[in-house]
PDB file of N, CA and C in Angstrom:
ATOM      1  N   UNK A   1      18.134  11.501   5.070  1.00  0.00           N
ATOM      2  CA  UNK A   1      18.017  10.275   5.956  1.00  0.00           C
ATOM      3  C   UNK A   1      16.828   9.777   5.768  1.00  0.00           C
ATOM      4  N   UNK A   2      16.854   8.361   5.713  1.00  0.00           N
ATOM      5  CA  UNK A   2      15.640   7.755   5.526  1.00  0.00           C
ATOM      6  C   UNK A   2      14.636   7.626   6.864  1.00  0.00           C
ATOM      7  N   UNK A   3      13.381   7.505   6.905  1.00  0.00           N
ATOM      8  CA  UNK A   3      12.657   7.289   8.048  1.00  0.00           C
ATOM      9  C   UNK A   3      12.228   5.817   8.099  1.00  0.00           C
ATOM     10  N   UNK A   4      12.299   5.291   9.340  1.00  0.00           N
ATOM     11  CA  UNK A   4      11.900   3.974   9.493  1.00  0.00           C
ATOM     12  C   UNK A   4      10.566   3.972   9.937  1.00  0.00           C
ATOM     13  N   UNK A   5       9.813   3.082   9.274  1.00  0.00           N
ATOM     14  CA  UNK A   5       8.233   2.947   9.572  1.00  0.00           C
ATOM     15  C   UNK A   5       7.939   1.330   9.689  1.00  0.00           C
ATOM     16  N   UNK A   6       6.932   1.226  10.289  1.00  0.00           N
ATOM     17  CA  UNK A   6       6.600  -0.113  10.542  1.00  0.00           C
ATOM     18  C   UNK A   6       4.969  -0.313  10.077  1.00  0.00           C
ATOM     19  N   UNK A   7       4.759  -1.494   9.519  1.00  0.00           N
ATOM     20  CA  UNK A   7       3.290  -1.795   9.189  1.00  0.00           C
ATOM     21  C   UNK A   7       2.686  -2.531  10.273  1.00  0.00           C
ATOM     22  N   UNK A   8       1.374  -2.309  10.419  1.00  0.00           N
ATOM     23  CA  UNK A   8       0.440  -1.395   9.709  1.00  0.00           C
ATOM     24  C   UNK A   8       0.693  -0.058  10.310  1.00  0.00           C
ATOM     25  N   UNK A   9       0.502   0.858   9.368  1.00  0.00           N
ATOM     26  CA  UNK A   9       0.988   2.438   9.524  1.00  0.00           C
ATOM     27  C   UNK A   9      -0.170   2.987  10.435  1.00  0.00           C
ATOM     28  N   UNK A  10       0.179   3.880  11.129  1.00  0.00           N
ATOM     29  CA  UNK A  10      -0.930   4.594  12.120  1.00  0.00           C
ATOM     30  C   UNK A  10      -0.941   6.099  11.369  1.00  0.00           C
ATOM     31  N   UNK A  11      -2.250   6.653  11.622  1.00  0.00           N
ATOM     32  CA  UNK A  11      -2.449   7.850  11.171  1.00  0.00           C
ATOM     33  C   UNK A  11      -1.310   8.962  11.439  1.00  0.00           C
ATOM     34  N   UNK A  12      -0.793   8.919  12.514  1.00  0.00           N
ATOM     35  CA  UNK A  12       0.305   9.749  13.003  1.00  0.00           C
ATOM     36  C   UNK A  12       1.429   9.694  12.112  1.00  0.00           C
ATOM     37  N   UNK A  13       1.727   8.352  11.835  1.00  0.00           N
ATOM     38  CA  UNK A  13       3.055   8.029  10.951  1.00  0.00           C
ATOM     39  C   UNK A  13       2.631   8.586   9.560  1.00  0.00           C
ATOM     40  N   UNK A  14       1.472   8.356   8.854  1.00  0.00           N
ATOM     41  CA  UNK A  14       1.171   8.693   7.693  1.00  0.00           C
ATOM     42  C   UNK A  14       1.229  10.257   7.571  1.00  0.00           C
ATOM     43  N   UNK A  15       0.901  11.007   8.605  1.00  0.00           N
ATOM     44  CA  UNK A  15       0.812  12.493   8.502  1.00  0.00           C
ATOM     45  C   UNK A  15       2.243  12.905   8.454  1.00  0.00           C
ATOM     46  N   UNK A  16       3.111  12.140   8.861  1.00  0.00           N
ATOM     47  CA  UNK A  16       4.636  12.770   8.954  1.00  0.00           C
ATOM     48  C   UNK A  16       5.122  12.539   7.422  1.00  0.00           C
ATOM     49  N   UNK A  17       4.643  11.689   6.647  1.00  0.00           N
ATOM     50  CA  UNK A  17       5.290  11.414   5.315  1.00  0.00           C
ATOM     51  C   UNK A  17       4.892  12.274   4.165  1.00  0.00           C
ATOM     52  N   UNK A  18       5.970  12.729   3.363  1.00  0.00           N
ATOM     53  CA  UNK A  18       5.847  13.591   2.347  1.00  0.00           C
ATOM     54  C   UNK A  18       6.227  12.948   1.112  1.00  0.00           C
ATOM     55  N   UNK A  19       5.710  13.307  -0.071  1.00  0.00           N
ATOM     56  CA  UNK A  19       6.121  12.643  -1.353  1.00  0.00           C
ATOM     57  C   UNK A  19       7.590  12.794  -1.608  1.00  0.00           C
ATOM     58  N   UNK A  20       8.494  11.918  -1.961  1.00  0.00           N
ATOM     59  CA  UNK A  20       9.973  12.057  -2.066  1.00  0.00           C
ATOM     60  C   UNK A  20      10.582  11.484  -0.846  1.00  0.00           C
ATOM     61  N   UNK A  21       9.819  11.218   0.283  1.00  0.00           N
ATOM     62  CA  UNK A  21      10.682  10.792   1.415  1.00  0.00           C
ATOM     63  C   UNK A  21      11.210   9.406   1.169  1.00  0.00           C
ATOM     64  N   UNK A  22      12.470   9.153   1.560  1.00  0.00           N
ATOM     65  CA  UNK A  22      13.042   7.851   1.596  1.00  0.00           C
ATOM     66  C   UNK A  22      12.544   7.161   2.995  1.00  0.00           C
ATOM     67  N   UNK A  23      12.012   6.027   2.799  1.00  0.00           N
ATOM     68  CA  UNK A  23      11.420   5.141   3.902  1.00  0.00           C
ATOM     69  C   UNK A  23      12.109   3.882   3.814  1.00  0.00           C
ATOM     70  N   UNK A  24      12.247   3.136   5.114  1.00  0.00           N
ATOM     71  CA  UNK A  24      12.576   1.877   5.431  1.00  0.00           C
ATOM     72  C   UNK A  24      11.494   1.325   6.084  1.00  0.00           C
ATOM     73  N   UNK A  25      10.901   0.185   5.310  1.00  0.00           N
ATOM     74  CA  UNK A  25       9.532  -0.286   5.863  1.00  0.00           C
ATOM     75  C   UNK A  25       9.931  -1.736   6.413  1.00  0.00           C
ATOM     76  N   UNK A  26       9.412  -1.792   7.727  1.00  0.00           N
ATOM     77  CA  UNK A  26       9.448  -3.122   8.342  1.00  0.00           C
ATOM     78  C   UNK A  26       8.075  -3.684   8.480  1.00  0.00           C
ATOM     79  N   UNK A  27       7.763  -4.830   8.117  1.00  0.00           N
ATOM     80  CA  UNK A  27       6.488  -5.492   8.278  1.00  0.00           C
ATOM     81  C   UNK A  27       5.952  -5.896   6.851  1.00  0.00           C
ATOM     82  N   UNK A  28       4.630  -6.259   6.826  1.00  0.00           N
ATOM     83  CA  UNK A  28       3.974  -6.833   5.609  1.00  0.00           C
ATOM     84  C   UNK A  28       3.886  -5.814   4.546  1.00  0.00           C
ATOM     85  N   UNK A  29       4.337  -5.889   3.349  1.00  0.00           N
ATOM     86  CA  UNK A  29       4.100  -4.911   2.262  1.00  0.00           C
ATOM     87  C   UNK A  29       3.170  -5.967   1.257  1.00  0.00           C
ATOM     88  N   UNK A  30       2.020  -5.456   0.959  1.00  0.00           N
ATOM     89  CA  UNK A  30       1.367  -6.169  -0.298  1.00  0.00           C
ATOM     90  C   UNK A  30       1.758  -5.749  -1.539  1.00  0.00           C
ATOM     91  N   UNK A  31       1.911  -6.508  -2.527  1.00  0.00           N
ATOM     92  CA  UNK A  31       2.372  -6.200  -3.757  1.00  0.00           C
ATOM     93  C   UNK A  31       1.204  -6.635  -4.692  1.00  0.00           C
ATOM     94  N   UNK A  32       0.976  -5.775  -5.791  1.00  0.00           N
ATOM     95  CA  UNK A  32      -0.078  -6.069  -6.607  1.00  0.00           C
ATOM     96  C   UNK A  32       0.096  -5.361  -7.959  1.00  0.00           C
ATOM     97  N   UNK A  33      -0.428  -5.797  -9.137  1.00  0.00           N
ATOM     98  CA  UNK A  33      -0.219  -5.207 -10.354  1.00  0.00           C
ATOM     99  C   UNK A  33      -1.639  -4.672 -10.714  1.00  0.00           C
ATOM    100  N   UNK A  34      -1.741  -4.002 -11.992  1.00  0.00           N
ATOM    101  CA  UNK A  34      -2.997  -3.233 -12.330  1.00  0.00           C
ATOM    102  C   UNK A  34      -4.059  -4.094 -12.268  1.00  0.00           C
ATOM    103  N   UNK A  35      -4.137  -5.358 -12.706  1.00  0.00           N
ATOM    104  CA  UNK A  35      -5.362  -6.353 -12.514  1.00  0.00           C
ATOM    105  C   UNK A  35      -5.968  -6.298 -11.141  1.00  0.00           C
ATOM    106  N   UNK A  36      -4.924  -6.675 -10.259  1.00  0.00           N
ATOM    107  CA  UNK A  36      -5.281  -6.610  -8.939  1.00  0.00           C
ATOM    108  C   UNK A  36      -5.998  -5.388  -8.420  1.00  0.00           C
ATOM    109  N   UNK A  37      -5.261  -4.225  -8.640  1.00  0.00           N
ATOM    110  CA  UNK A  37      -5.919  -3.120  -8.189  1.00  0.00           C
ATOM    111  C   UNK A  37      -7.223  -2.642  -8.840  1.00  0.00           C
ATOM    112  N   UNK A  38      -7.613  -3.091 -10.051  1.00  0.00           N
ATOM    113  CA  UNK A  38      -8.776  -2.857 -10.703  1.00  0.00           C
ATOM    114  C   UNK A  38      -9.827  -3.830  -9.825  1.00  0.00           C
ATOM    115  N   UNK A  39      -9.443  -5.003  -9.525  1.00  0.00           N
ATOM    116  CA  UNK A  39     -10.421  -6.002  -8.814  1.00  0.00           C
ATOM    117  C   UNK A  39     -10.745  -5.322  -7.420  1.00  0.00           C
ATOM    118  N   UNK A  40      -9.734  -4.755  -6.806  1.00  0.00           N
ATOM    119  CA  UNK A  40      -9.931  -4.210  -5.510  1.00  0.00           C
ATOM    120  C   UNK A  40     -10.973  -2.942  -5.583  1.00  0.00           C
ATOM    121  N   UNK A  41     -10.704  -2.196  -6.557  1.00  0.00           N
ATOM    122  CA  UNK A  41     -11.604  -0.960  -6.724  1.00  0.00           C
ATOM    123  C   UNK A  41     -13.055  -1.443  -7.128  1.00  0.00           C
ATOM    124  N   UNK A  42     -13.103  -2.377  -7.878  1.00  0.00           N
ATOM    125  CA  UNK A  42     -14.465  -2.973  -8.293  1.00  0.00           C
ATOM    126  C   UNK A  42     -15.182  -3.679  -6.992  1.00  0.00           C
ATOM    127  N   UNK A  43     -14.660  -4.250  -6.082  1.00  0.00           N
ATOM    128  CA  UNK A  43     -15.186  -4.716  -4.807  1.00  0.00           C
ATOM    129  C   UNK A  43     -15.464  -3.640  -4.111  1.00  0.00           C
ATOM    130  N   UNK A  44     -14.787  -2.528  -3.829  1.00  0.00           N
ATOM    131  CA  UNK A  44     -15.000  -1.299  -3.097  1.00  0.00           C
ATOM    132  C   UNK A  44     -16.461  -0.684  -3.515  1.00  0.00           C
ATOM    133  N   UNK A  45     -16.340  -0.390  -5.087  1.00  0.00           N
ATOM    134  CA  UNK A  45     -17.537   0.213  -5.546  1.00  0.00           C
ATOM    135  C   UNK A  45     -18.710  -0.635  -5.305  1.00  0.00           C
ATOM    136  N   UNK A  46     -18.564  -1.890  -5.297  1.00  0.00           N
ATOM    137  CA  UNK A  46     -19.931  -2.675  -5.124  1.00  0.00           C
ATOM    138  C   UNK A  46     -20.123  -2.803  -3.673  1.00  0.00           C
ATOM    139  N   UNK A  47     -19.412  -2.301  -2.798  1.00  0.00           N
ATOM    140  CA  UNK A  47     -19.623  -2.460  -1.340  1.00  0.00           C
ATOM    141  C   UNK A  47     -19.372  -3.782  -0.664  1.00  0.00           C
ATOM    142  N   UNK A  48     -18.464  -4.487  -1.568  1.00  0.00           N
ATOM    143  CA  UNK A  48     -18.095  -5.948  -1.056  1.00  0.00           C
ATOM    144  C   UNK A  48     -16.836  -5.841  -0.259  1.00  0.00           C
ATOM    145  N   UNK A  49     -16.797  -7.021   0.444  1.00  0.00           N
ATOM    146  CA  UNK A  49     -15.672  -7.094   1.452  1.00  0.00           C
ATOM    147  C   UNK A  49     -14.377  -7.556   0.564  1.00  0.00           C
ATOM    148  N   UNK A  50     -13.231  -6.732   0.973  1.00  0.00           N
ATOM    149  CA  UNK A  50     -11.925  -6.970   0.272  1.00  0.00           C
ATOM    150  C   UNK A  50     -11.396  -8.385   0.931  1.00  0.00           C
ATOM    151  N   UNK A  51     -10.456  -8.944   0.023  1.00  0.00           N
ATOM    152  CA  UNK A  51      -9.863 -10.286   0.559  1.00  0.00           C
ATOM    153  C   UNK A  51      -8.860 -10.142   1.680  1.00  0.00           C
ATOM    154  N   UNK A  52      -8.501  -9.021   1.946  1.00  0.00           N
ATOM    155  CA  UNK A  52      -7.544  -8.722   3.054  1.00  0.00           C
ATOM    156  C   UNK A  52      -7.912  -7.286   3.712  1.00  0.00           C
ATOM    157  N   UNK A  53      -7.467  -6.947   4.922  1.00  0.00           N
ATOM    158  CA  UNK A  53      -7.752  -5.697   5.644  1.00  0.00           C
ATOM    159  C   UNK A  53      -6.751  -4.880   5.026  1.00  0.00           C
ATOM    160  N   UNK A  54      -6.873  -3.709   4.385  1.00  0.00           N
ATOM    161  CA  UNK A  54      -5.989  -2.995   3.717  1.00  0.00           C
ATOM    162  C   UNK A  54      -5.724  -1.569   4.688  1.00  0.00           C
ATOM    163  N   UNK A  55      -6.502  -1.535   5.924  1.00  0.00           N
ATOM    164  CA  UNK A  55      -6.319  -0.308   6.761  1.00  0.00           C
ATOM    165  C   UNK A  55      -4.738  -0.255   7.465  1.00  0.00           C
ATOM    166  N   UNK A  56      -4.123   0.746   7.076  1.00  0.00           N
ATOM    167  CA  UNK A  56      -2.724   0.836   7.527  1.00  0.00           C
ATOM    168  C   UNK A  56      -1.728   0.215   6.891  1.00  0.00           C
ATOM    169  N   UNK A  57      -2.071  -0.515   5.762  1.00  0.00           N
ATOM    170  CA  UNK A  57      -1.128  -1.303   4.999  1.00  0.00           C
ATOM    171  C   UNK A  57      -0.338  -0.561   4.000  1.00  0.00           C
ATOM    172  N   UNK A  58       0.575  -1.188   3.591  1.00  0.00           N
ATOM    173  CA  UNK A  58       1.452  -0.716   2.342  1.00  0.00           C
ATOM    174  C   UNK A  58       1.061  -1.488   1.246  1.00  0.00           C
ATOM    175  N   UNK A  59       0.670  -0.915  -0.001  1.00  0.00           N
ATOM    176  CA  UNK A  59       0.378  -1.713  -1.145  1.00  0.00           C
ATOM    177  C   UNK A  59       1.289  -1.041  -2.161  1.00  0.00           C
ATOM    178  N   UNK A  60       2.125  -1.753  -2.599  1.00  0.00           N
ATOM    179  CA  UNK A  60       3.211  -1.428  -3.728  1.00  0.00           C
ATOM    180  C   UNK A  60       2.858  -2.003  -4.944  1.00  0.00           C
ATOM    181  N   UNK A  61       2.811  -1.108  -5.932  1.00  0.00           N
ATOM    182  CA  UNK A  61       2.440  -1.520  -7.367  1.00  0.00           C
ATOM    183  C   UNK A  61       3.770  -2.238  -7.986  1.00  0.00           C
ATOM    184  N   UNK A  62       3.273  -3.338  -8.425  1.00  0.00           N
ATOM    185  CA  UNK A  62       4.503  -4.010  -9.144  1.00  0.00           C
ATOM    186  C   UNK A  62       3.763  -4.461 -10.570  1.00  0.00           C
ATOM    187  N   UNK A  63       4.440  -4.230 -11.573  1.00  0.00           N
ATOM    188  CA  UNK A  63       3.904  -4.817 -12.804  1.00  0.00           C
ATOM    189  C   UNK A  63       4.928  -4.898 -14.037  1.00  0.00           C
ATOM    190  N   UNK A  64       4.397  -5.341 -15.198  1.00  0.00           N
ATOM    191  CA  UNK A  64       5.416  -5.536 -16.334  1.00  0.00           C
ATOM    192  C   UNK A  64       6.041  -4.227 -16.750  1.00  0.00           C
ATOM    193  N   UNK A  65       7.245  -4.289 -16.926  1.00  0.00           N
ATOM    194  CA  UNK A  65       8.178  -3.209 -17.446  1.00  0.00           C
ATOM    195  C   UNK A  65       8.953  -3.602 -18.684  1.00  0.00           C
ATOM    196  N   UNK A  66       9.264  -2.585 -19.534  1.00  0.00           N
ATOM    197  CA  UNK A  66      10.053  -2.950 -20.595  1.00  0.00           C
ATOM    198  C   UNK A  66      11.456  -3.599 -20.280  1.00  0.00           C
ATOM    199  N   UNK A  67      11.874  -4.427 -20.931  1.00  0.00           N
ATOM    200  CA  UNK A  67      13.207  -4.990 -20.656  1.00  0.00           C
ATOM    201  C   UNK A  67      14.300  -4.318 -21.200  1.00  0.00           C
TER     202      UNK A  67
END
């Protein structure tokens, strides 16, 4: 059975999740591909502010795939 969760996530909700869980997510989900993830990591490493607050948010990797 799928777990229903809402964004932004709380620490308590995150603690209940395990790899392989099926979840139904309501709320904002940020999507980004490899270039965006690389940019976010670079900003964090430089101590700079991110363009959005990612605390409690869901970030879903989307990128090119073979046809």
